[in-house]
C-alpha cells in the first residue's frame, strides 16, 4: 500500500494541468515567417516526430522542409525539437485547440503564434 500511495503522489506531482499536450498533434501554420511573406508549417505527429516546412507565400510550393524527433517536458511546459542534428528548446506559452504560442529559448527569440491548419 505504501508503494501504491507513493506512485500516485509521484504521478500527481508529475502532471501539468496547464496544457492538454494531445492538442499539439496536428498541423500548425504561421504567415510571414522569418521576416518574409512565406508560411512556416509545423507538423507534430503522435509518434514523436515533428516536421517543419517553409512554403512560398503566393504559390504554397514547398521551399524547404526538415523532420526530426520531439519531446515534451510537461512539468515545465518545454518542447524540445531536434532537426538537422541540432536540438532547439521552446517554451510553450499557450496551447489551445486552435492556437499554439511558444518562444524559442535556444535562440532567445520573441514569442510566435501558430494557428491550426485544417
N, C-alpha and C. Protein backbone atom coordinates (compact mmCIF):
# COMPACT_ATOMS: atom_id res chain seq x y z
N UNK A 1 0.82 -1.19 0.00
CA UNK A 1 0.00 0.00 0.00
C UNK A 1 0.87 1.26 0.00
N UNK A 2 1.99 1.20 0.72
CA UNK A 2 2.89 2.34 0.79
C UNK A 2 3.42 2.68 -0.60
N UNK A 3 3.77 1.67 -1.39
CA UNK A 3 4.30 1.89 -2.73
C UNK A 3 3.25 2.44 -3.67
N UNK A 4 2.02 1.97 -3.52
CA UNK A 4 0.93 2.46 -4.34
C UNK A 4 0.67 3.94 -4.06
N UNK A 5 0.68 4.32 -2.80
CA UNK A 5 0.48 5.71 -2.42
C UNK A 5 1.61 6.58 -2.97
N UNK A 6 2.83 6.10 -2.86
CA UNK A 6 3.98 6.84 -3.39
C UNK A 6 3.87 7.02 -4.90
N UNK A 7 3.46 5.98 -5.60
CA UNK A 7 3.29 6.06 -7.05
C UNK A 7 2.23 7.09 -7.42
N UNK A 8 1.11 7.07 -6.73
CA UNK A 8 0.04 8.02 -7.02
C UNK A 8 0.50 9.45 -6.77
N UNK A 9 1.20 9.69 -5.68
CA UNK A 9 1.72 11.03 -5.38
C UNK A 9 2.68 11.49 -6.47
N UNK A 10 3.57 10.62 -6.91
CA UNK A 10 4.51 10.98 -7.97
C UNK A 10 3.80 11.30 -9.27
N UNK A 11 2.79 10.52 -9.61
CA UNK A 11 2.04 10.79 -10.84
C UNK A 11 1.31 12.12 -10.77
N UNK A 12 0.73 12.43 -9.64
CA UNK A 12 0.03 13.71 -9.48
C UNK A 12 1.00 14.87 -9.57
N UNK A 13 2.15 14.75 -8.95
CA UNK A 13 3.14 15.82 -9.00
C UNK A 13 3.74 16.00 -10.38
N UNK A 14 3.75 14.94 -11.18
CA UNK A 14 4.37 14.99 -12.50
C UNK A 14 3.40 15.44 -13.58
N UNK A 15 2.14 15.64 -13.26
CA UNK A 15 1.18 16.07 -14.28
C UNK A 15 1.17 17.58 -14.36
N UNK A 16 0.77 18.07 -15.52
CA UNK A 16 0.70 19.51 -15.74
C UNK A 16 -0.73 19.84 -16.12
N UNK A 17 -1.40 20.59 -15.31
CA UNK A 17 -2.80 20.92 -15.57
C UNK A 17 -2.95 22.10 -16.51
N UNK A 18 -1.86 22.76 -16.87
CA UNK A 18 -1.95 23.95 -17.71
C UNK A 18 -2.27 23.62 -19.17
N UNK A 19 -1.73 22.56 -19.71
CA UNK A 19 -1.89 22.25 -21.12
C UNK A 19 -2.35 20.81 -21.33
N UNK A 20 -3.16 20.62 -22.33
CA UNK A 20 -3.52 19.29 -22.79
C UNK A 20 -2.61 19.03 -24.00
N UNK A 21 -1.51 18.32 -23.78
CA UNK A 21 -0.49 18.17 -24.81
C UNK A 21 -0.94 17.34 -26.00
N UNK A 22 -2.07 16.64 -25.87
CA UNK A 22 -2.60 15.93 -27.03
C UNK A 22 -3.03 16.90 -28.12
N UNK A 23 -3.32 18.13 -27.72
CA UNK A 23 -3.72 19.16 -28.70
C UNK A 23 -2.57 19.55 -29.61
N UNK A 24 -1.34 19.26 -29.20
CA UNK A 24 -0.18 19.61 -30.02
C UNK A 24 -0.15 18.83 -31.33
N UNK A 25 -0.68 17.62 -31.32
CA UNK A 25 -0.67 16.76 -32.51
C UNK A 25 -1.46 17.43 -33.62
N UNK A 26 -0.83 17.54 -34.79
CA UNK A 26 -1.51 18.13 -35.94
C UNK A 26 -0.62 19.12 -36.67
N UNK A 27 -1.23 19.93 -37.51
CA UNK A 27 -0.52 20.88 -38.36
C UNK A 27 -0.80 22.30 -37.91
N UNK A 28 0.28 23.08 -37.76
CA UNK A 28 0.21 24.46 -37.30
C UNK A 28 0.93 25.35 -38.30
N UNK A 29 0.35 26.49 -38.65
CA UNK A 29 0.99 27.36 -39.63
C UNK A 29 1.05 28.80 -39.15
N UNK A 30 2.00 29.53 -39.72
CA UNK A 30 2.19 30.94 -39.41
C UNK A 30 2.61 31.66 -40.67
N UNK A 31 1.88 32.69 -41.03
CA UNK A 31 2.23 33.52 -42.19
C UNK A 31 3.38 34.44 -41.80
N UNK A 32 4.12 34.89 -42.77
CA UNK A 32 5.22 35.84 -42.57
C UNK A 32 6.28 35.29 -41.62
N UNK A 33 6.81 34.14 -41.96
CA UNK A 33 7.85 33.52 -41.14
C UNK A 33 9.21 34.13 -41.50
N UNK A 34 10.05 34.35 -40.53
CA UNK A 34 11.42 34.84 -40.72
C UNK A 34 11.48 36.11 -41.56
N UNK A 35 10.60 37.06 -41.24
CA UNK A 35 10.57 38.36 -41.92
C UNK A 35 10.35 38.26 -43.42
N UNK A 36 9.62 37.25 -43.86
CA UNK A 36 9.25 37.11 -45.27
C UNK A 36 7.74 36.95 -45.34
N UNK A 37 7.21 36.87 -46.53
CA UNK A 37 5.78 36.62 -46.70
C UNK A 37 5.47 35.12 -46.75
N UNK A 38 6.51 34.30 -46.66
CA UNK A 38 6.35 32.85 -46.74
C UNK A 38 5.68 32.31 -45.47
N UNK A 39 5.18 31.09 -45.56
CA UNK A 39 4.45 30.46 -44.47
C UNK A 39 5.30 29.36 -43.84
N UNK A 40 5.39 29.37 -42.51
CA UNK A 40 6.05 28.31 -41.77
C UNK A 40 5.01 27.32 -41.28
N UNK A 41 5.28 26.04 -41.43
CA UNK A 41 4.32 25.00 -41.04
C UNK A 41 5.02 23.97 -40.15
N UNK A 42 4.51 23.79 -38.93
CA UNK A 42 4.96 22.72 -38.05
C UNK A 42 3.94 21.60 -38.12
N UNK A 43 4.42 20.37 -38.20
CA UNK A 43 3.54 19.20 -38.18
C UNK A 43 4.05 18.29 -37.05
N UNK A 44 3.22 18.09 -36.04
CA UNK A 44 3.56 17.22 -34.92
C UNK A 44 2.74 15.95 -35.04
N UNK A 45 3.42 14.81 -35.00
CA UNK A 45 2.75 13.51 -35.12
C UNK A 45 2.77 12.79 -33.78
N UNK A 46 1.87 11.84 -33.62
CA UNK A 46 1.76 11.11 -32.35
C UNK A 46 2.94 10.17 -32.10
N UNK A 47 3.75 9.90 -33.12
CA UNK A 47 4.93 9.04 -32.94
C UNK A 47 6.16 9.84 -32.52
N UNK A 48 5.95 11.07 -32.03
CA UNK A 48 7.02 11.96 -31.54
C UNK A 48 7.96 12.43 -32.63
N UNK A 49 7.47 12.55 -33.86
CA UNK A 49 8.26 13.18 -34.92
C UNK A 49 7.59 14.50 -35.29
N UNK A 50 8.43 15.47 -35.59
CA UNK A 50 7.95 16.79 -36.00
C UNK A 50 8.57 17.14 -37.34
N UNK A 51 7.82 17.86 -38.13
CA UNK A 51 8.33 18.36 -39.41
C UNK A 51 8.15 19.87 -39.42
N UNK A 52 9.07 20.56 -40.05
CA UNK A 52 8.93 21.99 -40.26
C UNK A 52 9.11 22.26 -41.74
N UNK A 53 8.17 22.97 -42.32
CA UNK A 53 8.22 23.30 -43.74
C UNK A 53 8.11 24.81 -43.92
N UNK A 54 8.75 25.30 -44.95
CA UNK A 54 8.57 26.69 -45.37
C UNK A 54 7.95 26.64 -46.75
N UNK A 55 6.82 27.34 -46.90
CA UNK A 55 6.08 27.33 -48.17
C UNK A 55 6.02 28.74 -48.74
N UNK A 56 6.19 28.83 -50.05
CA UNK A 56 6.15 30.11 -50.77
C UNK A 56 4.78 30.76 -50.61
N UNK A 57 4.78 32.04 -50.32
CA UNK A 57 3.54 32.74 -49.99
C UNK A 57 2.49 32.69 -51.09
N UNK A 58 2.87 33.02 -52.31
CA UNK A 58 1.86 33.15 -53.36
C UNK A 58 1.53 31.84 -54.07
N UNK A 59 2.36 30.82 -53.95
CA UNK A 59 2.11 29.56 -54.66
C UNK A 59 1.89 28.37 -53.73
N UNK A 60 2.27 28.50 -52.48
CA UNK A 60 2.20 27.42 -51.49
C UNK A 60 3.14 26.26 -51.83
N UNK A 61 4.09 26.50 -52.74
CA UNK A 61 5.08 25.48 -53.07
C UNK A 61 6.07 25.32 -51.91
N UNK A 62 6.54 24.11 -51.72
CA UNK A 62 7.49 23.82 -50.66
C UNK A 62 8.86 24.39 -51.01
N UNK A 63 9.40 25.22 -50.13
CA UNK A 63 10.74 25.80 -50.31
C UNK A 63 11.77 24.94 -49.59
N UNK A 64 11.46 24.57 -48.35
CA UNK A 64 12.38 23.77 -47.54
C UNK A 64 11.58 22.97 -46.53
N UNK A 65 12.15 21.86 -46.10
CA UNK A 65 11.50 21.04 -45.10
C UNK A 65 12.50 20.18 -44.36
N UNK A 66 12.19 19.90 -43.11
CA UNK A 66 13.05 19.03 -42.30
C UNK A 66 12.19 18.30 -41.28
N UNK A 67 12.69 17.15 -40.84
CA UNK A 67 11.95 16.31 -39.91
C UNK A 67 12.89 15.81 -38.82
N UNK A 68 12.35 15.64 -37.62
CA UNK A 68 13.15 15.12 -36.52
C UNK A 68 12.28 14.80 -35.33
N UNK A 69 12.87 14.22 -34.30
CA UNK A 69 12.11 13.85 -33.11
C UNK A 69 11.83 15.06 -32.21
N UNK A 70 10.77 14.95 -31.44
CA UNK A 70 10.48 15.97 -30.44
C UNK A 70 10.11 15.30 -29.12
N UNK A 71 10.25 16.05 -28.05
CA UNK A 71 9.84 15.57 -26.73
C UNK A 71 9.26 16.75 -25.95
N UNK A 72 8.46 16.42 -24.96
CA UNK A 72 7.81 17.44 -24.15
C UNK A 72 8.16 17.20 -22.69
N UNK A 73 8.64 18.23 -22.02
CA UNK A 73 8.83 18.19 -20.57
C UNK A 73 7.59 18.82 -19.96
N UNK A 74 6.59 18.01 -19.69
CA UNK A 74 5.28 18.50 -19.28
C UNK A 74 5.32 19.37 -18.03
N UNK A 75 6.13 19.00 -17.07
CA UNK A 75 6.16 19.74 -15.81
C UNK A 75 6.67 21.17 -15.98
N UNK A 76 7.40 21.43 -17.07
CA UNK A 76 7.96 22.77 -17.29
C UNK A 76 7.38 23.46 -18.52
N UNK A 77 6.51 22.79 -19.27
CA UNK A 77 5.95 23.38 -20.48
C UNK A 77 7.00 23.59 -21.56
N UNK A 78 7.96 22.67 -21.64
CA UNK A 78 9.07 22.78 -22.58
C UNK A 78 8.90 21.78 -23.72
N UNK A 79 9.12 22.26 -24.93
CA UNK A 79 9.09 21.43 -26.14
C UNK A 79 10.50 21.42 -26.70
N UNK A 80 11.07 20.23 -26.89
CA UNK A 80 12.41 20.10 -27.47
C UNK A 80 12.28 19.42 -28.82
N UNK A 81 12.84 20.06 -29.84
CA UNK A 81 12.77 19.54 -31.21
C UNK A 81 14.20 19.44 -31.74
N UNK A 82 14.53 18.29 -32.33
CA UNK A 82 15.85 18.09 -32.93
C UNK A 82 15.69 17.95 -34.43
N UNK A 83 16.32 18.87 -35.18
CA UNK A 83 16.29 18.82 -36.64
C UNK A 83 17.67 19.17 -37.15
N UNK A 84 18.09 18.45 -38.17
CA UNK A 84 19.42 18.63 -38.75
C UNK A 84 20.51 18.50 -37.69
N UNK A 85 20.28 17.61 -36.72
CA UNK A 85 21.28 17.34 -35.69
C UNK A 85 21.38 18.38 -34.60
N UNK A 86 20.51 19.39 -34.61
CA UNK A 86 20.55 20.44 -33.59
C UNK A 86 19.25 20.44 -32.80
N UNK A 87 19.40 20.43 -31.48
CA UNK A 87 18.22 20.48 -30.62
C UNK A 87 17.88 21.93 -30.30
N UNK A 88 16.59 22.25 -30.42
CA UNK A 88 16.10 23.58 -30.04
C UNK A 88 15.06 23.40 -28.95
N UNK A 89 15.07 24.34 -28.03
CA UNK A 89 14.15 24.31 -26.91
C UNK A 89 13.15 25.44 -27.04
N UNK A 90 11.87 25.10 -26.88
CA UNK A 90 10.79 26.08 -26.97
C UNK A 90 9.99 26.05 -25.68
N UNK A 91 9.61 27.21 -25.19
CA UNK A 91 8.73 27.32 -24.02
C UNK A 91 7.32 27.54 -24.54
N UNK A 92 6.41 26.62 -24.22
CA UNK A 92 5.02 26.75 -24.66
C UNK A 92 4.31 27.76 -23.77
N UNK A 93 3.78 28.79 -24.40
CA UNK A 93 3.07 29.84 -23.67
C UNK A 93 1.57 29.59 -23.69
N UNK A 94 1.06 29.19 -24.86
CA UNK A 94 -0.37 28.91 -24.99
C UNK A 94 -0.55 27.72 -25.92
N UNK A 95 -1.40 26.81 -25.52
CA UNK A 95 -1.75 25.66 -26.35
C UNK A 95 -3.24 25.42 -26.20
N UNK A 96 -3.98 25.75 -27.25
CA UNK A 96 -5.42 25.53 -27.25
C UNK A 96 -5.76 24.71 -28.49
N UNK A 97 -7.02 24.50 -28.72
CA UNK A 97 -7.44 23.72 -29.88
C UNK A 97 -7.02 24.40 -31.19
N UNK A 98 -6.99 25.74 -31.21
CA UNK A 98 -6.72 26.46 -32.45
C UNK A 98 -5.45 27.30 -32.45
N UNK A 99 -4.78 27.45 -31.31
CA UNK A 99 -3.63 28.34 -31.22
C UNK A 99 -2.48 27.69 -30.46
N UNK A 100 -1.28 27.85 -31.01
CA UNK A 100 -0.05 27.40 -30.36
C UNK A 100 0.90 28.59 -30.32
N UNK A 101 1.25 29.03 -29.13
CA UNK A 101 2.19 30.13 -28.97
C UNK A 101 3.37 29.63 -28.16
N UNK A 102 4.58 29.85 -28.69
CA UNK A 102 5.78 29.44 -27.97
C UNK A 102 6.90 30.42 -28.28
N UNK A 103 7.92 30.36 -27.45
CA UNK A 103 9.11 31.17 -27.67
C UNK A 103 10.31 30.25 -27.82
N UNK A 104 11.20 30.60 -28.71
CA UNK A 104 12.42 29.83 -28.95
C UNK A 104 13.44 30.22 -27.88
N UNK A 105 13.59 29.38 -26.88
CA UNK A 105 14.50 29.65 -25.77
C UNK A 105 15.95 29.53 -26.23
N UNK A 106 16.24 28.57 -27.10
CA UNK A 106 17.60 28.33 -27.57
C UNK A 106 18.19 29.57 -28.23
N UNK A 107 17.40 30.23 -29.06
CA UNK A 107 17.89 31.40 -29.80
C UNK A 107 17.38 32.72 -29.22
N UNK A 108 16.73 32.65 -28.06
CA UNK A 108 16.24 33.84 -27.36
C UNK A 108 15.40 34.73 -28.28
N UNK A 109 14.41 34.13 -28.93
CA UNK A 109 13.56 34.87 -29.87
C UNK A 109 12.22 35.20 -29.23
N UNK A 110 11.52 36.15 -29.87
CA UNK A 110 10.19 36.55 -29.41
C UNK A 110 9.20 35.40 -29.58
N UNK A 111 8.11 35.50 -28.87
CA UNK A 111 7.05 34.50 -28.98
C UNK A 111 6.45 34.52 -30.38
N UNK A 112 6.09 33.35 -30.87
CA UNK A 112 5.46 33.20 -32.18
C UNK A 112 4.15 32.45 -31.99
N UNK A 113 3.14 32.87 -32.72
CA UNK A 113 1.84 32.22 -32.65
C UNK A 113 1.54 31.51 -33.96
N UNK A 114 1.19 30.25 -33.85
CA UNK A 114 0.80 29.43 -35.00
C UNK A 114 -0.67 29.07 -34.82
N UNK A 115 -1.39 28.97 -35.94
CA UNK A 115 -2.79 28.57 -35.90
C UNK A 115 -2.92 27.19 -36.51
N UNK A 116 -3.90 26.44 -36.02
CA UNK A 116 -4.11 25.09 -36.53
C UNK A 116 -4.59 25.16 -37.96
N UNK A 117 -3.97 24.36 -38.81
CA UNK A 117 -4.38 24.25 -40.20
C UNK A 117 -5.41 23.14 -40.30
N UNK A 118 -6.37 23.35 -41.12
CA UNK A 118 -7.44 22.34 -41.29
C UNK A 118 -7.02 21.28 -42.26
